[in-house]
Amino acid sequence: MRKTLISIVGPTAVGKTSTAINIAKQLDAEIISSDSRQFYKEISIGTAKPTELELKQVPHHFINHLSITEEYNASKFENEVIEFLDSYFKNKDTAILCGGSGMYNDAVIKGFDNEIPTADAGIREELKQKYEEQGLAYLQDLLLNIDQLAYQNIDIRNSKRLMRAIEICKLTGKTNTAVRKGIEKKRNFDIIQIGLELPRNLLYDRINQRVDLMIHEGLIDEVKSVVSHREKNALNTVGYKEIFDYLDGIIPWNLAVEKIKTNSRRYAKRQLTWFKRNERIKWFLPNEINKISKYIRTTIQNT
């Protein structure tokens, strides 16, 4: 019998965790997180990790297994997940891959593109110097001029992501999209791809409510606890960068909170742009559990 990996994706705050747990219970499956921020054990509130109660309902994997001091990437994630699934599928028929990090999700489903060149120290040092001299706007403008599609689809407030995208263009003479057109790896399991979405106004309300809850649960104390590691890529993300600015006295508290909400909404929009390009994803509302379950079971039966 063929084994099946069910991918559940969608924008932040749409309800991926609760949907994945519901489906996992029905199928006696376990959940693999493909949220690249939930890997790190030091940060939980700002990454909206599953609660202790949720983690107890269904076994979760690839959550809290790294420290923010460790270097990690999509290629390592692919290798580790595939190795895990090789063992897991000896005893189980289905697994759930759940998260909103498009590159990490694709790494498992399609395979990470081996054609992408490794970092170039000379180019990276040049970009770092320009960044220090001219700021983030320089990197944003440069990427926009040489690779507009990459500019539209990555976090343009993340200096490391910007530099990497620019570096790929400079090394290959091609856009990121052209370089990443590798051949998909053939997996020894079937894949069903589910997407969750909501009307924009409802999604944005949920994002705002989630940020308020994070603040109430102690996000500022969590950020303070990792401030000595602020240069790490794991912390160069929404919810942490804004509070670093507040702690540095650059912006007042109310503006920091509003920026987290605004940047979270922008991130959700970029996530949807990434996932909507994949025509294999079947889209549902998060409360359509019965429809999702029926679609999964019918697809498995017809495979």
C-alpha atoms as a PDB file:
ATOM      1  CA  MET A   1       0.000   0.000   0.000  1.00  0.00           C
ATOM      2  CA  ARG A   2       1.328   3.438  -0.957  1.00  0.00           C
ATOM      3  CA  LYS A   3       2.004   5.805   1.908  1.00  0.00           C
ATOM      4  CA  THR A   4       0.635   9.367   1.883  1.00  0.00           C
ATOM      5  CA  LEU A   5       1.995  12.711   3.043  1.00  0.00           C
ATOM      6  CA  ILE A   6      -0.706  15.356   3.482  1.00  0.00           C
ATOM      7  CA  SER A   7       0.577  18.915   3.237  1.00  0.00           C
ATOM      8  CA  ILE A   8      -1.477  21.643   4.944  1.00  0.00           C
ATOM      9  CA  VAL A   9      -0.390  25.190   4.112  1.00  0.00           C
ATOM     10  CA  GLY A  10      -1.742  28.717   4.255  1.00  0.00           C
ATOM     11  CA  PRO A  11      -1.040  32.181   5.654  1.00  0.00           C
ATOM     12  CA  THR A  12      -0.220  32.938   9.265  1.00  0.00           C
ATOM     13  CA  ALA A  13      -3.154  32.773  11.721  1.00  0.00           C
ATOM     14  CA  VAL A  14      -5.483  31.045   9.238  1.00  0.00           C
ATOM     15  CA  GLY A  15      -5.909  27.953  11.440  1.00  0.00           C
ATOM     16  CA  LYS A  16      -3.403  25.412  10.111  1.00  0.00           C
ATOM     17  CA  THR A  17      -2.538  23.902  13.495  1.00  0.00           C
ATOM     18  CA  SER A  18      -6.086  23.098  14.588  1.00  0.00           C
ATOM     19  CA  THR A  19      -6.969  21.734  11.139  1.00  0.00           C
ATOM     20  CA  ALA A  20      -3.867  19.532  11.060  1.00  0.00           C
ATOM     21  CA  ILE A  21      -4.625  18.135  14.523  1.00  0.00           C
ATOM     22  CA  ASN A  22      -8.223  17.394  13.545  1.00  0.00           C
ATOM     23  CA  ILE A  23      -7.201  15.568  10.358  1.00  0.00           C
ATOM     24  CA  ALA A  24      -4.341  13.750  12.107  1.00  0.00           C
ATOM     25  CA  LYS A  25      -6.742  12.348  14.708  1.00  0.00           C
ATOM     26  CA  GLN A  26      -9.054  11.036  12.006  1.00  0.00           C
ATOM     27  CA  LEU A  27      -6.229   9.329  10.118  1.00  0.00           C
ATOM     28  CA  ASP A  28      -4.105   8.187  13.069  1.00  0.00           C
ATOM     29  CA  ALA A  29      -1.313  10.351  11.699  1.00  0.00           C
ATOM     30  CA  GLU A  30       1.460  12.421  13.246  1.00  0.00           C
ATOM     31  CA  ILE A  31       2.412  16.001  12.372  1.00  0.00           C
ATOM     32  CA  ILE A  32       5.671  17.321  10.944  1.00  0.00           C
ATOM     33  CA  SER A  33       6.073  21.080  11.317  1.00  0.00           C
ATOM     34  CA  SER A  34       7.399  22.930   8.280  1.00  0.00           C
ATOM     35  CA  ASP A  35       7.279  26.293  10.054  1.00  0.00           C
ATOM     36  CA  SER A  36      10.902  27.414   9.998  1.00  0.00           C
ATOM     37  CA  ARG A  37      10.519  29.550  13.141  1.00  0.00           C
ATOM     38  CA  GLN A  38       8.954  26.828  15.292  1.00  0.00           C
ATOM     39  CA  PHE A  39      12.136  24.743  15.046  1.00  0.00           C
ATOM     40  CA  TYR A  40      13.816  26.897  17.707  1.00  0.00           C
ATOM     41  CA  LYS A  41      13.276  26.042  21.363  1.00  0.00           C
ATOM     42  CA  GLU A  42      14.055  29.534  22.715  1.00  0.00           C
ATOM     43  CA  ILE A  43      11.198  31.272  20.913  1.00  0.00           C
ATOM     44  CA  SER A  44       7.592  30.149  21.331  1.00  0.00           C
ATOM     45  CA  ILE A  45       5.243  33.080  21.836  1.00  0.00           C
ATOM     46  CA  GLY A  46       6.262  35.052  18.760  1.00  0.00           C
ATOM     47  CA  THR A  47       6.259  31.937  16.593  1.00  0.00           C
ATOM     48  CA  ALA A  48       2.731  30.851  17.602  1.00  0.00           C
ATOM     49  CA  LYS A  49       3.810  27.299  18.380  1.00  0.00           C
ATOM     50  CA  PRO A  50       1.121  24.746  19.183  1.00  0.00           C
ATOM     51  CA  THR A  51       0.130  24.903  22.838  1.00  0.00           C
ATOM     52  CA  GLU A  52       1.094  22.166  25.307  1.00  0.00           C
ATOM     53  CA  LEU A  53      -2.461  20.835  25.078  1.00  0.00           C
ATOM     54  CA  GLU A  54      -2.280  20.712  21.272  1.00  0.00           C
ATOM     55  CA  LEU A  55       1.102  18.983  21.356  1.00  0.00           C
ATOM     56  CA  LYS A  56      -0.353  16.331  23.661  1.00  0.00           C
ATOM     57  CA  GLN A  57      -3.302  15.599  21.355  1.00  0.00           C
ATOM     58  CA  VAL A  58      -1.145  14.473  18.429  1.00  0.00           C
ATOM     59  CA  PRO A  59       2.608  13.738  18.267  1.00  0.00           C
ATOM     60  CA  HIS A  60       4.483  16.634  16.606  1.00  0.00           C
ATOM     61  CA  HIS A  61       7.944  16.512  15.061  1.00  0.00           C
ATOM     62  CA  PHE A  62      10.485  19.196  14.109  1.00  0.00           C
ATOM     63  CA  ILE A  63       9.333  21.591  16.818  1.00  0.00           C
ATOM     64  CA  ASN A  64      11.796  22.751  19.508  1.00  0.00           C
ATOM     65  CA  HIS A  65      14.549  20.550  18.091  1.00  0.00           C
ATOM     66  CA  LEU A  66      17.047  23.348  17.403  1.00  0.00           C
ATOM     67  CA  SER A  67      18.691  26.253  19.209  1.00  0.00           C
ATOM     68  CA  ILE A  68      18.768  29.724  17.651  1.00  0.00           C
ATOM     69  CA  THR A  69      22.569  29.429  17.823  1.00  0.00           C
ATOM     70  CA  GLU A  70      22.499  26.621  15.243  1.00  0.00           C
ATOM     71  CA  GLU A  71      22.689  27.167  11.499  1.00  0.00           C
ATOM     72  CA  TYR A  72      19.866  25.475   9.605  1.00  0.00           C
ATOM     73  CA  ASN A  73      18.422  25.603   6.099  1.00  0.00           C
ATOM     74  CA  ALA A  74      15.832  24.051   3.803  1.00  0.00           C
ATOM     75  CA  SER A  75      18.287  21.511   2.397  1.00  0.00           C
ATOM     76  CA  LYS A  76      19.036  20.105   5.861  1.00  0.00           C
ATOM     77  CA  PHE A  77      15.336  20.076   6.634  1.00  0.00           C
ATOM     78  CA  GLU A  78      14.579  18.101   3.468  1.00  0.00           C
ATOM     79  CA  ASN A  79      17.178  15.450   4.257  1.00  0.00           C
ATOM     80  CA  GLU A  80      16.082  15.072   7.873  1.00  0.00           C
ATOM     81  CA  VAL A  81      12.363  14.877   7.093  1.00  0.00           C
ATOM     82  CA  ILE A  82      12.831  12.332   4.303  1.00  0.00           C
ATOM     83  CA  GLU A  83      14.986  10.222   6.619  1.00  0.00           C
ATOM     84  CA  PHE A  84      12.313  10.509   9.319  1.00  0.00           C
ATOM     85  CA  LEU A  85       9.534   9.505   6.900  1.00  0.00           C
ATOM     86  CA  ASP A  86      11.462   6.462   5.708  1.00  0.00           C
ATOM     87  CA  SER A  87      11.279   5.123   9.252  1.00  0.00           C
ATOM     88  CA  TYR A  88       7.831   6.519  10.086  1.00  0.00           C
ATOM     89  CA  PHE A  89       6.069   4.933   7.108  1.00  0.00           C
ATOM     90  CA  LYS A  90       7.133   1.470   8.218  1.00  0.00           C
ATOM     91  CA  ASN A  91       4.421   1.679  10.882  1.00  0.00           C
ATOM     92  CA  LYS A  92       2.036   4.408   9.663  1.00  0.00           C
ATOM     93  CA  ASP A  93       0.137   4.998   6.430  1.00  0.00           C
ATOM     94  CA  THR A  94      -0.249   8.785   6.540  1.00  0.00           C
ATOM     95  CA  ALA A  95       1.672  11.798   7.864  1.00  0.00           C
ATOM     96  CA  ILE A  96       0.787  15.499   8.025  1.00  0.00           C
ATOM     97  CA  LEU A  97       3.205  18.229   6.926  1.00  0.00           C
ATOM     98  CA  CYS A  98       1.950  21.513   8.350  1.00  0.00           C
ATOM     99  CA  GLY A  99       3.357  25.027   8.151  1.00  0.00           C
ATOM    100  CA  GLY A 100       3.493  28.340   6.379  1.00  0.00           C
ATOM    101  CA  SER A 101       7.154  28.412   5.315  1.00  0.00           C
ATOM    102  CA  GLY A 102       6.896  27.909   1.573  1.00  0.00           C
ATOM    103  CA  MET A 103      10.528  27.037   0.910  1.00  0.00           C
ATOM    104  CA  TYR A 104      10.664  24.419   3.663  1.00  0.00           C
ATOM    105  CA  ASN A 105       7.368  22.896   2.590  1.00  0.00           C
ATOM    106  CA  ASP A 106       8.559  22.708  -1.026  1.00  0.00           C
ATOM    107  CA  ALA A 107      11.861  21.186   0.071  1.00  0.00           C
ATOM    108  CA  VAL A 108      10.000  18.099   1.307  1.00  0.00           C
ATOM    109  CA  ILE A 109       7.460  17.911  -1.507  1.00  0.00           C
ATOM    110  CA  LYS A 110       9.640  18.796  -4.498  1.00  0.00           C
ATOM    111  CA  GLY A 111      13.178  18.484  -3.212  1.00  0.00           C
ATOM    112  CA  PHE A 112      15.593  21.321  -2.637  1.00  0.00           C
ATOM    113  CA  ASP A 113      17.184  22.540  -5.825  1.00  0.00           C
ATOM    114  CA  ASN A 114      20.793  21.416  -5.955  1.00  0.00           C
ATOM    115  CA  GLU A 115      21.501  23.852  -8.780  1.00  0.00           C
ATOM    116  CA  ILE A 116      21.485  26.839  -6.421  1.00  0.00           C
ATOM    117  CA  PRO A 117      25.101  27.988  -5.902  1.00  0.00           C
ATOM    118  CA  THR A 118      26.702  28.165  -2.489  1.00  0.00           C
ATOM    119  CA  ALA A 119      27.496  31.494  -0.875  1.00  0.00           C
ATOM    120  CA  ASP A 120      30.247  33.678  -2.284  1.00  0.00           C
ATOM    121  CA  ALA A 121      32.281  35.407   0.438  1.00  0.00           C
ATOM    122  CA  GLY A 122      33.326  38.302  -1.795  1.00  0.00           C
ATOM    123  CA  ILE A 123      29.839  39.187  -2.983  1.00  0.00           C
ATOM    124  CA  ARG A 124      28.368  38.727   0.477  1.00  0.00           C
ATOM    125  CA  GLU A 125      30.982  41.009   2.071  1.00  0.00           C
ATOM    126  CA  GLU A 126      30.350  43.676  -0.576  1.00  0.00           C
ATOM    127  CA  LEU A 127      26.602  43.547   0.060  1.00  0.00           C
ATOM    128  CA  LYS A 128      27.094  43.677   3.832  1.00  0.00           C
ATOM    129  CA  GLN A 129      29.222  46.782   3.466  1.00  0.00           C
ATOM    130  CA  LYS A 130      26.644  48.470   1.229  1.00  0.00           C
ATOM    131  CA  TYR A 131      23.941  47.518   3.726  1.00  0.00           C
ATOM    132  CA  GLU A 132      25.873  49.060   6.614  1.00  0.00           C
ATOM    133  CA  GLU A 133      26.539  52.234   4.621  1.00  0.00           C
ATOM    134  CA  GLN A 134      23.202  52.742   2.862  1.00  0.00           C
ATOM    135  CA  GLY A 135      20.715  50.661   4.809  1.00  0.00           C
ATOM    136  CA  LEU A 136      17.979  48.201   3.908  1.00  0.00           C
ATOM    137  CA  ALA A 137      16.546  50.409   1.172  1.00  0.00           C
ATOM    138  CA  TYR A 138      19.704  49.896  -0.919  1.00  0.00           C
ATOM    139  CA  LEU A 139      19.271  46.114  -0.920  1.00  0.00           C
ATOM    140  CA  GLN A 140      15.549  46.417  -1.637  1.00  0.00           C
ATOM    141  CA  ASP A 141      16.092  48.728  -4.608  1.00  0.00           C
ATOM    142  CA  LEU A 142      18.891  46.556  -5.986  1.00  0.00           C
ATOM    143  CA  LEU A 143      16.811  43.373  -5.869  1.00  0.00           C
ATOM    144  CA  LEU A 144      13.795  45.150  -7.342  1.00  0.00           C
ATOM    145  CA  ASN A 145      15.907  46.208 -10.326  1.00  0.00           C
ATOM    146  CA  ILE A 146      17.452  42.802 -11.013  1.00  0.00           C
ATOM    147  CA  ASP A 147      14.730  40.345  -9.948  1.00  0.00           C
ATOM    148  CA  GLN A 148      11.261  41.821  -9.500  1.00  0.00           C
ATOM    149  CA  LEU A 149       9.579  38.451  -8.919  1.00  0.00           C
ATOM    150  CA  ALA A 150      11.933  37.579  -6.061  1.00  0.00           C
ATOM    151  CA  TYR A 151      11.320  41.041  -4.611  1.00  0.00           C
ATOM    152  CA  GLN A 152       7.571  40.365  -4.583  1.00  0.00           C
ATOM    153  CA  ASN A 153       7.870  36.960  -2.936  1.00  0.00           C
ATOM    154  CA  ILE A 154      10.454  37.225  -0.163  1.00  0.00           C
ATOM    155  CA  ASP A 155      10.517  39.123   3.118  1.00  0.00           C
ATOM    156  CA  ILE A 156      12.065  42.404   1.941  1.00  0.00           C
ATOM    157  CA  ARG A 157      12.634  43.493   5.569  1.00  0.00           C
ATOM    158  CA  ASN A 158      14.997  40.550   6.031  1.00  0.00           C
ATOM    159  CA  SER A 159      18.462  41.742   5.001  1.00  0.00           C
ATOM    160  CA  LYS A 160      19.878  38.206   4.804  1.00  0.00           C
ATOM    161  CA  ARG A 161      17.116  37.025   2.480  1.00  0.00           C
ATOM    162  CA  LEU A 162      17.665  40.088   0.287  1.00  0.00           C
ATOM    163  CA  MET A 163      21.419  39.534   0.133  1.00  0.00           C
ATOM    164  CA  ARG A 164      21.010  35.859  -0.718  1.00  0.00           C
ATOM    165  CA  ALA A 165      18.582  36.613  -3.553  1.00  0.00           C
ATOM    166  CA  ILE A 166      20.929  39.283  -4.947  1.00  0.00           C
ATOM    167  CA  GLU A 167      23.892  36.942  -4.548  1.00  0.00           C
ATOM    168  CA  ILE A 168      22.198  34.228  -6.626  1.00  0.00           C
ATOM    169  CA  CYS A 169      21.534  36.731  -9.419  1.00  0.00           C
ATOM    170  CA  LYS A 170      25.131  37.954  -9.397  1.00  0.00           C
ATOM    171  CA  LEU A 171      26.606  34.439  -9.322  1.00  0.00           C
ATOM    172  CA  THR A 172      24.445  32.965 -12.085  1.00  0.00           C
ATOM    173  CA  GLY A 173      23.427  35.915 -14.202  1.00  0.00           C
ATOM    174  CA  LYS A 174      19.855  34.623 -13.879  1.00  0.00           C
ATOM    175  CA  THR A 175      16.831  35.436 -11.745  1.00  0.00           C
ATOM    176  CA  ASN A 176      16.105  33.354  -8.655  1.00  0.00           C
ATOM    177  CA  THR A 177      13.084  31.844 -10.407  1.00  0.00           C
ATOM    178  CA  ALA A 178      15.167  30.726 -13.382  1.00  0.00           C
ATOM    179  CA  VAL A 179      17.821  29.178 -11.151  1.00  0.00           C
ATOM    180  CA  ARG A 180      15.252  27.325  -9.030  1.00  0.00           C
ATOM    181  CA  LYS A 181      13.684  25.507 -11.996  1.00  0.00           C
ATOM    182  CA  GLY A 182      15.209  22.209 -10.989  1.00  0.00           C
ATOM    183  CA  ILE A 183      13.682  18.808 -11.626  1.00  0.00           C
ATOM    184  CA  GLU A 184      11.382  17.650  -8.832  1.00  0.00           C
ATOM    185  CA  LYS A 185      12.658  14.682  -6.902  1.00  0.00           C
ATOM    186  CA  LYS A 186      10.546  11.554  -7.061  1.00  0.00           C
ATOM    187  CA  ARG A 187       9.247  10.562  -3.650  1.00  0.00           C
ATOM    188  CA  ASN A 188       8.332   7.012  -2.631  1.00  0.00           C
ATOM    189  CA  PHE A 189       5.058   8.251  -1.105  1.00  0.00           C
ATOM    190  CA  ASP A 190       1.981  10.014  -2.463  1.00  0.00           C
ATOM    191  CA  ILE A 191       1.393  13.677  -1.674  1.00  0.00           C
ATOM    192  CA  ILE A 192      -1.930  15.459  -1.125  1.00  0.00           C
ATOM    193  CA  GLN A 193      -1.722  19.239  -0.882  1.00  0.00           C
ATOM    194  CA  ILE A 194      -4.306  21.222   1.081  1.00  0.00           C
ATOM    195  CA  GLY A 195      -4.447  25.020   1.322  1.00  0.00           C
ATOM    196  CA  LEU A 196      -6.391  27.040   3.898  1.00  0.00           C
ATOM    197  CA  GLU A 197      -7.620  30.568   3.224  1.00  0.00           C
ATOM    198  CA  LEU A 198     -10.073  33.139   4.571  1.00  0.00           C
ATOM    199  CA  PRO A 199     -11.572  36.365   3.216  1.00  0.00           C
ATOM    200  CA  ARG A 200      -8.926  39.049   3.686  1.00  0.00           C
ATOM    201  CA  ASN A 201     -10.830  41.055   6.315  1.00  0.00           C
ATOM    202  CA  LEU A 202     -11.358  37.961   8.478  1.00  0.00           C
ATOM    203  CA  LEU A 203      -7.736  36.878   8.123  1.00  0.00           C
ATOM    204  CA  TYR A 204      -6.453  40.335   9.051  1.00  0.00           C
ATOM    205  CA  ASP A 205      -8.737  40.412  12.106  1.00  0.00           C
ATOM    206  CA  ARG A 206      -7.324  37.059  13.219  1.00  0.00           C
ATOM    207  CA  ILE A 207      -3.768  38.302  12.713  1.00  0.00           C
ATOM    208  CA  ASN A 208      -4.440  41.407  14.818  1.00  0.00           C
ATOM    209  CA  GLN A 209      -6.040  39.292  17.552  1.00  0.00           C
ATOM    210  CA  ARG A 210      -3.109  36.882  17.528  1.00  0.00           C
ATOM    211  CA  VAL A 211      -0.607  39.729  17.959  1.00  0.00           C
ATOM    212  CA  ASP A 212      -2.624  41.114  20.889  1.00  0.00           C
ATOM    213  CA  LEU A 213      -2.604  37.646  22.477  1.00  0.00           C
ATOM    214  CA  MET A 214       1.169  37.349  21.980  1.00  0.00           C
ATOM    215  CA  ILE A 215       1.679  40.672  23.741  1.00  0.00           C
ATOM    216  CA  HIS A 216      -0.591  39.555  26.578  1.00  0.00           C
ATOM    217  CA  GLU A 217       1.295  36.247  26.925  1.00  0.00           C
ATOM    218  CA  GLY A 218       4.639  38.038  27.347  1.00  0.00           C
ATOM    219  CA  LEU A 219       6.213  38.506  23.919  1.00  0.00           C
ATOM    220  CA  ILE A 220       8.344  41.405  25.128  1.00  0.00           C
ATOM    221  CA  ASP A 221       9.941  39.259  27.849  1.00  0.00           C
ATOM    222  CA  GLU A 222      10.627  36.517  25.316  1.00  0.00           C
ATOM    223  CA  VAL A 223      12.341  39.019  23.010  1.00  0.00           C
ATOM    224  CA  LYS A 224      14.420  40.361  25.917  1.00  0.00           C
ATOM    225  CA  SER A 225      15.540  36.814  26.738  1.00  0.00           C
ATOM    226  CA  VAL A 226      17.114  36.383  23.284  1.00  0.00           C
ATOM    227  CA  VAL A 227      18.343  39.927  22.650  1.00  0.00           C
ATOM    228  CA  SER A 228      21.982  38.810  22.914  1.00  0.00           C
ATOM    229  CA  HIS A 229      21.383  36.619  19.831  1.00  0.00           C
ATOM    230  CA  ARG A 230      19.576  39.274  17.803  1.00  0.00           C
ATOM    231  CA  GLU A 231      21.994  38.906  14.877  1.00  0.00           C
ATOM    232  CA  LYS A 232      20.891  35.295  14.306  1.00  0.00           C
ATOM    233  CA  ASN A 233      18.711  34.715  11.256  1.00  0.00           C
ATOM    234  CA  ALA A 234      16.060  32.966  13.369  1.00  0.00           C
ATOM    235  CA  LEU A 235      15.329  36.311  15.051  1.00  0.00           C
ATOM    236  CA  ASN A 236      15.396  38.407  11.895  1.00  0.00           C
ATOM    237  CA  THR A 237      11.665  38.027  11.595  1.00  0.00           C
ATOM    238  CA  VAL A 238       8.321  39.665  12.305  1.00  0.00           C
ATOM    239  CA  GLY A 239       7.529  40.075  15.986  1.00  0.00           C
ATOM    240  CA  TYR A 240      11.153  40.224  17.067  1.00  0.00           C
ATOM    241  CA  LYS A 241      12.647  42.918  14.832  1.00  0.00           C
ATOM    242  CA  GLU A 242       9.978  45.429  15.822  1.00  0.00           C
ATOM    243  CA  ILE A 243      10.490  44.885  19.555  1.00  0.00           C
ATOM    244  CA  PHE A 244      14.271  45.113  19.129  1.00  0.00           C
ATOM    245  CA  ASP A 245      13.633  48.568  17.655  1.00  0.00           C
ATOM    246  CA  TYR A 246      11.482  49.438  20.674  1.00  0.00           C
ATOM    247  CA  LEU A 247      14.137  48.221  23.111  1.00  0.00           C
ATOM    248  CA  ASP A 248      16.718  50.305  21.246  1.00  0.00           C
ATOM    249  CA  GLY A 249      14.533  53.392  21.674  1.00  0.00           C
ATOM    250  CA  ILE A 250      13.993  53.764  17.933  1.00  0.00           C
ATOM    251  CA  ILE A 251      10.192  53.531  18.073  1.00  0.00           C
ATOM    252  CA  PRO A 252       7.591  53.820  20.884  1.00  0.00           C
ATOM    253  CA  TRP A 253       5.753  50.737  22.189  1.00  0.00           C
ATOM    254  CA  ASN A 254       2.414  51.422  20.493  1.00  0.00           C
ATOM    255  CA  LEU A 255       4.146  51.823  17.138  1.00  0.00           C
ATOM    256  CA  ALA A 256       6.099  48.594  17.657  1.00  0.00           C
ATOM    257  CA  VAL A 257       2.848  46.681  18.231  1.00  0.00           C
ATOM    258  CA  GLU A 258       1.217  48.277  15.195  1.00  0.00           C
ATOM    259  CA  LYS A 259       4.253  47.430  13.070  1.00  0.00           C
ATOM    260  CA  ILE A 260       4.059  43.790  14.136  1.00  0.00           C
ATOM    261  CA  LYS A 261       0.433  43.680  12.988  1.00  0.00           C
ATOM    262  CA  THR A 262       1.173  45.462   9.707  1.00  0.00           C
ATOM    263  CA  ASN A 263       4.211  43.322   8.901  1.00  0.00           C
ATOM    264  CA  SER A 264       2.331  40.137   9.841  1.00  0.00           C
ATOM    265  CA  ARG A 265      -0.414  41.067   7.370  1.00  0.00           C
ATOM    266  CA  ARG A 266       2.204  41.719   4.695  1.00  0.00           C
ATOM    267  CA  TYR A 267       3.827  38.384   5.452  1.00  0.00           C
ATOM    268  CA  ALA A 268       0.452  36.634   5.092  1.00  0.00           C
ATOM    269  CA  LYS A 269       0.030  38.244   1.687  1.00  0.00           C
ATOM    270  CA  ARG A 270       3.458  37.007   0.574  1.00  0.00           C
ATOM    271  CA  GLN A 271       2.647  33.504   1.841  1.00  0.00           C
ATOM    272  CA  LEU A 272      -0.532  33.406  -0.235  1.00  0.00           C
ATOM    273  CA  THR A 273       1.347  34.633  -3.297  1.00  0.00           C
ATOM    274  CA  TRP A 274       3.853  31.784  -2.882  1.00  0.00           C
ATOM    275  CA  PHE A 275       1.269  29.040  -2.350  1.00  0.00           C
ATOM    276  CA  LYS A 276      -1.215  30.241  -4.994  1.00  0.00           C
ATOM    277  CA  ARG A 277       1.409  29.579  -7.682  1.00  0.00           C
ATOM    278  CA  ASN A 278       1.081  25.860  -6.912  1.00  0.00           C
ATOM    279  CA  GLU A 279      -1.850  24.529  -8.926  1.00  0.00           C
ATOM    280  CA  ARG A 280      -1.731  21.193  -7.103  1.00  0.00           C
ATOM    281  CA  ILE A 281      -3.009  22.747  -3.883  1.00  0.00           C
ATOM    282  CA  LYS A 282      -6.734  22.255  -3.195  1.00  0.00           C
ATOM    283  CA  TRP A 283      -8.097  25.224  -1.250  1.00  0.00           C
ATOM    284  CA  PHE A 284     -10.623  25.164   1.611  1.00  0.00           C
ATOM    285  CA  LEU A 285     -11.888  27.365   4.409  1.00  0.00           C
ATOM    286  CA  PRO A 286     -10.381  26.256   7.746  1.00  0.00           C
ATOM    287  CA  ASN A 287     -13.793  25.307   9.156  1.00  0.00           C
ATOM    288  CA  GLU A 288     -14.556  22.939   6.247  1.00  0.00           C
ATOM    289  CA  ILE A 289     -13.134  19.938   8.098  1.00  0.00           C
ATOM    290  CA  ASN A 290     -15.668  17.474   6.683  1.00  0.00           C
ATOM    291  CA  LYS A 291     -14.954  18.606   3.116  1.00  0.00           C
ATOM    292  CA  ILE A 292     -11.215  18.395   3.690  1.00  0.00           C
ATOM    293  CA  SER A 293     -11.501  14.939   5.222  1.00  0.00           C
ATOM    294  CA  LYS A 294     -13.699  13.685   2.382  1.00  0.00           C
ATOM    295  CA  TYR A 295     -11.301  15.083  -0.237  1.00  0.00           C
ATOM    296  CA  ILE A 296      -8.324  13.390   1.422  1.00  0.00           C
ATOM    297  CA  ARG A 297     -10.031  10.005   1.760  1.00  0.00           C
ATOM    298  CA  THR A 298     -11.392  10.103  -1.800  1.00  0.00           C
ATOM    299  CA  THR A 299      -7.974  11.040  -3.183  1.00  0.00           C
ATOM    300  CA  ILE A 300      -6.255   8.236  -1.270  1.00  0.00           C
ATOM    301  CA  GLN A 301      -8.827   5.694  -2.464  1.00  0.00           C
ATOM    302  CA  ASN A 302      -8.472   6.776  -6.093  1.00  0.00           C
ATOM    303  CA  THR A 303      -4.700   6.785  -6.108  1.00  0.00           C
END
